[in-house]
Amino acid sequence: MTEAKTGDTVKINYVGTLNDGQMFDSSEGRDPLEFVVGSGQIIKGLDSAIPGMSVGDKKTVNVPCDQAYGHANPDARQAVPREQIPAEIPLEIGTQLQMQTPQGQVVPVTVAEVTEAEVTLDANHPLAGQDLNFDIEVVEIKAA
């Protein structure tokens, strides 16, 4: 039976959960996730679990945050004077917005805190600082 190795294209079905059991993502109801093993297309901790698996193999993988989206960076949070945000922009905590850097790069941010004077925007990945768990099943391997 063919085992997945670096450079192979694989397809996996997966369910991703946090340590408290909350599901944050799943391939259920969608096409399997397809990627090249070892290419950096997916988080490091999940990518490194694939080599040696064969079609039909299932496993549970715990990915520490430093092999997923990293630790939350306090410098990625920025307080913005409320009057600088257009009135039509929703400011509920958890709302995902996009900011633009002076260089024109679009950065996704999340509304983290709202006061009368300012809004704190967080540019950390929503899963930064979280250990992640994946139940995976290899459904296809295309050798490199």
N, C-alpha and C. Protein backbone atom coordinates (compact mmCIF):
# COMPACT_ATOMS: atom_id res chain seq x y z
N MET A 1 0.84 -1.18 0.00
CA MET A 1 0.00 0.00 0.00
C MET A 1 0.89 1.25 0.00
N THR A 2 0.53 2.23 -0.81
CA THR A 2 1.31 3.46 -0.94
C THR A 2 1.19 4.32 0.31
N GLU A 3 2.34 4.76 0.81
CA GLU A 3 2.36 5.67 1.95
C GLU A 3 2.66 7.07 1.47
N ALA A 4 1.98 8.05 2.06
CA ALA A 4 2.21 9.44 1.69
C ALA A 4 3.61 9.86 2.10
N LYS A 5 4.23 10.67 1.23
CA LYS A 5 5.56 11.19 1.54
C LYS A 5 5.64 12.64 1.04
N THR A 6 6.67 13.34 1.46
CA THR A 6 6.87 14.72 1.06
C THR A 6 6.85 14.83 -0.46
N GLY A 7 6.09 15.80 -0.96
CA GLY A 7 5.96 16.02 -2.40
C GLY A 7 4.73 15.39 -3.02
N ASP A 8 4.13 14.41 -2.33
CA ASP A 8 2.89 13.80 -2.83
C ASP A 8 1.72 14.76 -2.64
N THR A 9 0.74 14.66 -3.52
CA THR A 9 -0.50 15.40 -3.35
C THR A 9 -1.48 14.45 -2.66
N VAL A 10 -2.05 14.91 -1.56
CA VAL A 10 -2.99 14.07 -0.81
C VAL A 10 -4.32 14.80 -0.65
N LYS A 11 -5.34 14.00 -0.40
CA LYS A 11 -6.65 14.53 -0.05
C LYS A 11 -7.02 13.91 1.29
N ILE A 12 -7.48 14.77 2.21
CA ILE A 12 -7.90 14.27 3.53
C ILE A 12 -9.27 14.82 3.88
N ASN A 13 -10.01 14.01 4.61
CA ASN A 13 -11.20 14.50 5.31
C ASN A 13 -10.75 14.80 6.73
N TYR A 14 -11.33 15.84 7.32
CA TYR A 14 -10.88 16.23 8.66
C TYR A 14 -11.98 16.93 9.44
N VAL A 15 -11.84 16.87 10.75
CA VAL A 15 -12.63 17.67 11.68
C VAL A 15 -11.62 18.30 12.62
N GLY A 16 -11.66 19.63 12.73
CA GLY A 16 -10.76 20.35 13.62
C GLY A 16 -11.51 20.85 14.84
N THR A 17 -10.94 20.55 16.03
CA THR A 17 -11.58 20.99 17.28
C THR A 17 -10.54 21.66 18.18
N LEU A 18 -11.05 22.49 19.08
CA LEU A 18 -10.22 23.08 20.12
C LEU A 18 -10.15 22.10 21.29
N ASN A 19 -9.30 22.39 22.26
CA ASN A 19 -9.16 21.47 23.40
C ASN A 19 -10.45 21.31 24.20
N ASP A 20 -11.35 22.32 24.14
CA ASP A 20 -12.62 22.21 24.86
C ASP A 20 -13.67 21.44 24.06
N GLY A 21 -13.29 20.92 22.88
CA GLY A 21 -14.20 20.13 22.06
C GLY A 21 -14.95 20.93 21.01
N GLN A 22 -14.85 22.25 21.05
CA GLN A 22 -15.56 23.09 20.08
C GLN A 22 -14.96 22.89 18.68
N MET A 23 -15.83 22.59 17.70
CA MET A 23 -15.37 22.40 16.33
C MET A 23 -15.15 23.78 15.70
N PHE A 24 -13.99 23.97 15.03
CA PHE A 24 -13.72 25.23 14.35
C PHE A 24 -13.70 25.08 12.84
N ASP A 25 -13.57 23.85 12.34
CA ASP A 25 -13.56 23.63 10.89
C ASP A 25 -13.75 22.15 10.61
N SER A 26 -14.25 21.86 9.41
CA SER A 26 -14.47 20.48 9.01
C SER A 26 -14.61 20.42 7.49
N SER A 27 -14.21 19.31 6.92
CA SER A 27 -14.41 19.09 5.48
C SER A 27 -15.77 18.44 5.23
N GLU A 28 -16.51 18.13 6.27
CA GLU A 28 -17.80 17.46 6.11
C GLU A 28 -18.71 18.30 5.22
N GLY A 29 -19.30 17.65 4.23
CA GLY A 29 -20.20 18.34 3.31
C GLY A 29 -19.46 19.09 2.21
N ARG A 30 -18.13 19.00 2.19
CA ARG A 30 -17.31 19.67 1.17
C ARG A 30 -16.36 18.64 0.56
N ASP A 31 -15.65 19.07 -0.47
CA ASP A 31 -14.62 18.21 -1.03
C ASP A 31 -13.51 18.05 0.01
N PRO A 32 -12.80 16.91 -0.02
CA PRO A 32 -11.67 16.74 0.89
C PRO A 32 -10.63 17.85 0.66
N LEU A 33 -9.84 18.13 1.68
CA LEU A 33 -8.76 19.10 1.58
C LEU A 33 -7.63 18.48 0.78
N GLU A 34 -7.19 19.17 -0.28
CA GLU A 34 -6.11 18.68 -1.13
C GLU A 34 -4.90 19.59 -0.98
N PHE A 35 -3.73 19.00 -0.80
CA PHE A 35 -2.50 19.78 -0.65
C PHE A 35 -1.29 18.91 -0.96
N VAL A 36 -0.16 19.57 -1.16
CA VAL A 36 1.10 18.87 -1.39
C VAL A 36 1.81 18.74 -0.05
N VAL A 37 2.12 17.51 0.34
CA VAL A 37 2.77 17.25 1.63
C VAL A 37 4.12 17.95 1.68
N GLY A 38 4.34 18.68 2.77
CA GLY A 38 5.62 19.35 2.99
C GLY A 38 5.79 20.66 2.26
N SER A 39 4.74 21.17 1.62
CA SER A 39 4.85 22.39 0.81
C SER A 39 4.55 23.66 1.59
N GLY A 40 4.05 23.52 2.82
CA GLY A 40 3.68 24.71 3.59
C GLY A 40 2.29 25.23 3.27
N GLN A 41 1.50 24.46 2.53
CA GLN A 41 0.14 24.90 2.19
C GLN A 41 -0.81 24.83 3.37
N ILE A 42 -0.51 23.98 4.34
CA ILE A 42 -1.34 23.86 5.55
C ILE A 42 -0.44 24.04 6.76
N ILE A 43 -1.04 24.13 7.93
CA ILE A 43 -0.25 24.35 9.15
C ILE A 43 0.75 23.21 9.35
N LYS A 44 1.90 23.58 9.87
CA LYS A 44 3.04 22.67 10.01
C LYS A 44 2.70 21.40 10.80
N GLY A 45 2.03 21.56 11.92
CA GLY A 45 1.75 20.40 12.77
C GLY A 45 0.84 19.37 12.13
N LEU A 46 -0.06 19.80 11.26
CA LEU A 46 -0.92 18.85 10.55
C LEU A 46 -0.16 18.25 9.38
N ASP A 47 0.57 19.08 8.65
CA ASP A 47 1.35 18.62 7.50
C ASP A 47 2.32 17.51 7.91
N SER A 48 2.98 17.69 9.05
CA SER A 48 3.99 16.71 9.48
C SER A 48 3.39 15.38 9.93
N ALA A 49 2.07 15.34 10.12
CA ALA A 49 1.42 14.09 10.56
C ALA A 49 1.08 13.17 9.39
N ILE A 50 1.18 13.67 8.16
CA ILE A 50 0.70 12.92 6.99
C ILE A 50 1.70 11.87 6.48
N PRO A 51 3.00 12.19 6.39
CA PRO A 51 3.92 11.17 5.86
C PRO A 51 3.79 9.83 6.61
N GLY A 52 3.77 8.75 5.82
CA GLY A 52 3.64 7.40 6.40
C GLY A 52 2.22 6.90 6.43
N MET A 53 1.23 7.80 6.22
CA MET A 53 -0.17 7.37 6.20
C MET A 53 -0.52 6.82 4.82
N SER A 54 -1.46 5.90 4.77
CA SER A 54 -1.96 5.31 3.52
C SER A 54 -3.43 5.65 3.36
N VAL A 55 -3.95 5.46 2.15
CA VAL A 55 -5.38 5.70 1.90
C VAL A 55 -6.20 4.84 2.87
N GLY A 56 -7.17 5.47 3.51
CA GLY A 56 -8.02 4.78 4.48
C GLY A 56 -7.54 4.92 5.91
N ASP A 57 -6.26 5.30 6.10
CA ASP A 57 -5.75 5.50 7.46
C ASP A 57 -6.43 6.68 8.12
N LYS A 58 -6.71 6.53 9.42
CA LYS A 58 -7.30 7.60 10.23
C LYS A 58 -6.41 7.81 11.44
N LYS A 59 -6.35 9.06 11.90
CA LYS A 59 -5.65 9.33 13.15
C LYS A 59 -6.13 10.64 13.73
N THR A 60 -5.86 10.81 15.00
CA THR A 60 -6.12 12.06 15.70
C THR A 60 -4.78 12.73 15.94
N VAL A 61 -4.69 14.01 15.58
CA VAL A 61 -3.44 14.75 15.69
C VAL A 61 -3.67 15.95 16.59
N ASN A 62 -2.82 16.11 17.62
CA ASN A 62 -2.84 17.31 18.45
C ASN A 62 -1.74 18.22 17.95
N VAL A 63 -2.10 19.45 17.59
CA VAL A 63 -1.15 20.41 17.05
C VAL A 63 -1.00 21.55 18.05
N PRO A 64 0.18 21.67 18.70
CA PRO A 64 0.39 22.79 19.61
C PRO A 64 0.37 24.11 18.84
N CYS A 65 0.00 25.19 19.52
CA CYS A 65 -0.19 26.47 18.82
C CYS A 65 1.05 26.92 18.05
N ASP A 66 2.25 26.59 18.53
CA ASP A 66 3.45 27.04 17.81
C ASP A 66 3.66 26.29 16.50
N GLN A 67 2.90 25.20 16.26
CA GLN A 67 2.94 24.50 14.98
C GLN A 67 1.64 24.71 14.20
N ALA A 68 0.82 25.65 14.70
CA ALA A 68 -0.45 25.98 14.03
C ALA A 68 -0.38 27.45 13.60
N TYR A 69 -1.05 28.32 14.33
CA TYR A 69 -1.08 29.74 13.96
C TYR A 69 -0.25 30.61 14.90
N GLY A 70 0.57 29.97 15.72
CA GLY A 70 1.47 30.70 16.59
C GLY A 70 0.78 31.24 17.83
N HIS A 71 1.58 31.86 18.66
CA HIS A 71 1.06 32.49 19.88
C HIS A 71 0.45 33.83 19.50
N ALA A 72 -0.54 34.25 20.28
CA ALA A 72 -1.14 35.56 20.04
C ALA A 72 -0.09 36.64 20.31
N ASN A 73 0.01 37.59 19.40
CA ASN A 73 0.99 38.67 19.51
C ASN A 73 0.28 39.93 20.01
N PRO A 74 0.61 40.39 21.22
CA PRO A 74 -0.07 41.57 21.75
C PRO A 74 0.14 42.81 20.87
N ASP A 75 1.23 42.85 20.11
CA ASP A 75 1.49 43.99 19.22
C ASP A 75 0.56 44.00 18.01
N ALA A 76 -0.17 42.90 17.78
CA ALA A 76 -1.09 42.83 16.65
C ALA A 76 -2.47 43.40 17.01
N ARG A 77 -2.61 43.88 18.25
CA ARG A 77 -3.85 44.54 18.68
C ARG A 77 -3.61 46.05 18.64
N GLN A 78 -4.59 46.76 18.09
CA GLN A 78 -4.43 48.20 17.96
C GLN A 78 -5.74 48.89 18.32
N ALA A 79 -5.62 49.90 19.19
CA ALA A 79 -6.79 50.71 19.54
C ALA A 79 -6.89 51.86 18.54
N VAL A 80 -8.10 52.03 18.00
CA VAL A 80 -8.36 53.07 17.00
C VAL A 80 -9.43 53.99 17.55
N PRO A 81 -9.23 55.32 17.46
CA PRO A 81 -10.30 56.23 17.90
C PRO A 81 -11.60 55.92 17.16
N ARG A 82 -12.66 55.81 17.91
CA ARG A 82 -13.95 55.40 17.34
C ARG A 82 -14.38 56.29 16.18
N GLU A 83 -14.08 57.58 16.26
CA GLU A 83 -14.51 58.50 15.19
C GLU A 83 -13.79 58.25 13.87
N GLN A 84 -12.71 57.46 13.88
CA GLN A 84 -12.00 57.15 12.64
C GLN A 84 -12.63 55.97 11.88
N ILE A 85 -13.62 55.34 12.51
CA ILE A 85 -14.29 54.21 11.87
C ILE A 85 -15.64 54.68 11.35
N PRO A 86 -15.89 54.49 10.05
CA PRO A 86 -17.16 54.94 9.47
C PRO A 86 -18.36 54.37 10.22
N ALA A 87 -19.41 55.18 10.33
CA ALA A 87 -20.59 54.81 11.11
C ALA A 87 -21.27 53.54 10.61
N GLU A 88 -21.15 53.23 9.31
CA GLU A 88 -21.84 52.06 8.76
C GLU A 88 -21.10 50.74 9.05
N ILE A 89 -19.90 50.82 9.62
CA ILE A 89 -19.14 49.60 9.95
C ILE A 89 -19.67 49.02 11.26
N PRO A 90 -20.09 47.74 11.25
CA PRO A 90 -20.59 47.13 12.50
C PRO A 90 -19.45 46.94 13.49
N LEU A 91 -19.71 47.25 14.74
CA LEU A 91 -18.66 47.18 15.76
C LEU A 91 -18.98 46.20 16.88
N GLU A 92 -19.65 45.11 16.56
CA GLU A 92 -19.88 44.08 17.57
C GLU A 92 -18.59 43.28 17.77
N ILE A 93 -18.32 42.91 19.00
CA ILE A 93 -17.13 42.11 19.31
C ILE A 93 -17.21 40.81 18.52
N GLY A 94 -16.09 40.46 17.86
CA GLY A 94 -16.02 39.26 17.05
C GLY A 94 -16.24 39.51 15.57
N THR A 95 -16.70 40.72 15.22
CA THR A 95 -16.91 41.04 13.80
C THR A 95 -15.58 41.06 13.07
N GLN A 96 -15.54 40.42 11.92
CA GLN A 96 -14.33 40.38 11.09
C GLN A 96 -14.37 41.56 10.12
N LEU A 97 -13.30 42.32 10.07
CA LEU A 97 -13.18 43.47 9.17
C LEU A 97 -11.87 43.35 8.40
N GLN A 98 -11.68 44.27 7.46
CA GLN A 98 -10.41 44.33 6.74
C GLN A 98 -9.87 45.75 6.83
N MET A 99 -8.58 45.84 7.13
CA MET A 99 -7.90 47.13 7.15
C MET A 99 -6.90 47.12 6.01
N GLN A 100 -6.45 48.30 5.67
CA GLN A 100 -5.43 48.41 4.64
C GLN A 100 -4.23 49.13 5.23
N THR A 101 -3.04 48.55 5.03
CA THR A 101 -1.81 49.17 5.51
C THR A 101 -1.47 50.36 4.61
N PRO A 102 -0.59 51.25 5.07
CA PRO A 102 -0.17 52.36 4.20
C PRO A 102 0.42 51.88 2.87
N GLN A 103 0.94 50.64 2.84
CA GLN A 103 1.50 50.09 1.61
C GLN A 103 0.44 49.45 0.72
N GLY A 104 -0.83 49.45 1.17
CA GLY A 104 -1.91 48.90 0.37
C GLY A 104 -2.25 47.45 0.64
N GLN A 105 -1.53 46.81 1.57
CA GLN A 105 -1.80 45.40 1.89
C GLN A 105 -3.07 45.31 2.73
N VAL A 106 -3.95 44.36 2.37
CA VAL A 106 -5.18 44.15 3.12
C VAL A 106 -4.89 43.19 4.28
N VAL A 107 -5.33 43.59 5.49
CA VAL A 107 -5.09 42.79 6.69
C VAL A 107 -6.44 42.49 7.35
N PRO A 108 -6.79 41.20 7.52
CA PRO A 108 -8.03 40.89 8.23
C PRO A 108 -7.85 41.16 9.72
N VAL A 109 -8.87 41.76 10.33
CA VAL A 109 -8.85 42.06 11.76
C VAL A 109 -10.19 41.67 12.37
N THR A 110 -10.19 41.50 13.69
CA THR A 110 -11.40 41.18 14.43
C THR A 110 -11.62 42.26 15.47
N VAL A 111 -12.87 42.70 15.61
CA VAL A 111 -13.20 43.66 16.65
C VAL A 111 -13.07 42.94 17.99
N ALA A 112 -12.13 43.40 18.83
CA ALA A 112 -11.84 42.72 20.09
C ALA A 112 -12.46 43.43 21.29
N GLU A 113 -12.60 44.75 21.21
CA GLU A 113 -13.12 45.53 22.33
C GLU A 113 -13.69 46.83 21.79
N VAL A 114 -14.79 47.30 22.39
CA VAL A 114 -15.40 48.55 21.97
C VAL A 114 -15.73 49.37 23.21
N THR A 115 -15.24 50.61 23.23
CA THR A 115 -15.61 51.56 24.28
C THR A 115 -16.18 52.79 23.58
N GLU A 116 -16.63 53.76 24.36
CA GLU A 116 -17.16 54.99 23.75
C GLU A 116 -16.08 55.72 22.99
N ALA A 117 -14.83 55.62 23.43
CA ALA A 117 -13.74 56.40 22.84
C ALA A 117 -12.99 55.66 21.73
N GLU A 118 -12.87 54.33 21.86
CA GLU A 118 -12.04 53.62 20.88
C GLU A 118 -12.51 52.20 20.63
N VAL A 119 -11.99 51.67 19.53
CA VAL A 119 -12.27 50.29 19.13
C VAL A 119 -10.93 49.58 19.03
N THR A 120 -10.79 48.42 19.71
CA THR A 120 -9.57 47.65 19.63
C THR A 120 -9.74 46.58 18.56
N LEU A 121 -8.83 46.61 17.58
CA LEU A 121 -8.83 45.67 16.48
C LEU A 121 -7.67 44.70 16.65
N ASP A 122 -7.92 43.44 16.39
CA ASP A 122 -6.93 42.38 16.60
C ASP A 122 -6.60 41.73 15.25
N ALA A 123 -5.33 41.84 14.85
CA ALA A 123 -4.89 41.25 13.58
C ALA A 123 -4.32 39.84 13.74
N ASN A 124 -4.33 39.31 14.96
CA ASN A 124 -3.91 37.91 15.14
C ASN A 124 -4.89 37.00 14.41
N HIS A 125 -4.40 35.85 13.94
CA HIS A 125 -5.30 34.85 13.39
C HIS A 125 -6.29 34.48 14.49
N PRO A 126 -7.57 34.25 14.16
CA PRO A 126 -8.54 33.90 15.20
C PRO A 126 -8.16 32.68 16.03
N LEU A 127 -7.32 31.78 15.49
CA LEU A 127 -6.91 30.59 16.23
C LEU A 127 -5.51 30.72 16.84
N ALA A 128 -4.92 31.92 16.77
CA ALA A 128 -3.60 32.13 17.38
C ALA A 128 -3.69 31.86 18.89
N GLY A 129 -2.69 31.19 19.41
CA GLY A 129 -2.65 30.87 20.83
C GLY A 129 -3.43 29.62 21.21
N GLN A 130 -4.04 28.98 20.24
CA GLN A 130 -4.85 27.79 20.50
C GLN A 130 -4.12 26.53 20.05
N ASP A 131 -4.16 25.50 20.89
CA ASP A 131 -3.75 24.17 20.45
C ASP A 131 -4.93 23.60 19.67
N LEU A 132 -4.65 22.91 18.58
CA LEU A 132 -5.70 22.40 17.71
C LEU A 132 -5.66 20.88 17.65
N ASN A 133 -6.81 20.28 17.47
CA ASN A 133 -6.93 18.83 17.35
C ASN A 133 -7.63 18.52 16.04
N PHE A 134 -7.11 17.53 15.33
CA PHE A 134 -7.69 17.13 14.05
C PHE A 134 -7.92 15.63 14.04
N ASP A 135 -9.12 15.23 13.64
CA ASP A 135 -9.40 13.84 13.29
C ASP A 135 -9.30 13.81 11.78
N ILE A 136 -8.36 13.04 11.25
CA ILE A 136 -8.11 13.04 9.81
C ILE A 136 -8.24 11.63 9.23
N GLU A 137 -8.57 11.60 7.96
CA GLU A 137 -8.60 10.35 7.19
C GLU A 137 -8.04 10.65 5.81
N VAL A 138 -7.03 9.88 5.39
CA VAL A 138 -6.47 10.03 4.06
C VAL A 138 -7.40 9.34 3.08
N VAL A 139 -7.84 10.10 2.05
CA VAL A 139 -8.76 9.53 1.07
C VAL A 139 -8.13 9.35 -0.31
N GLU A 140 -7.00 10.02 -0.55
CA GLU A 140 -6.32 9.86 -1.84
C GLU A 140 -4.87 10.29 -1.72
N ILE A 141 -4.01 9.59 -2.42
CA ILE A 141 -2.59 9.95 -2.52
C ILE A 141 -2.19 9.90 -3.98
N LYS A 142 -1.63 11.01 -4.48
CA LYS A 142 -1.07 11.04 -5.84
C LYS A 142 0.43 11.21 -5.67
N ALA A 143 1.18 10.18 -6.06
CA ALA A 143 2.63 10.21 -5.88
C ALA A 143 3.25 11.36 -6.66
N ALA A 144 4.29 11.93 -6.09
CA ALA A 144 5.00 13.06 -6.74
C ALA A 144 5.65 12.62 -8.02
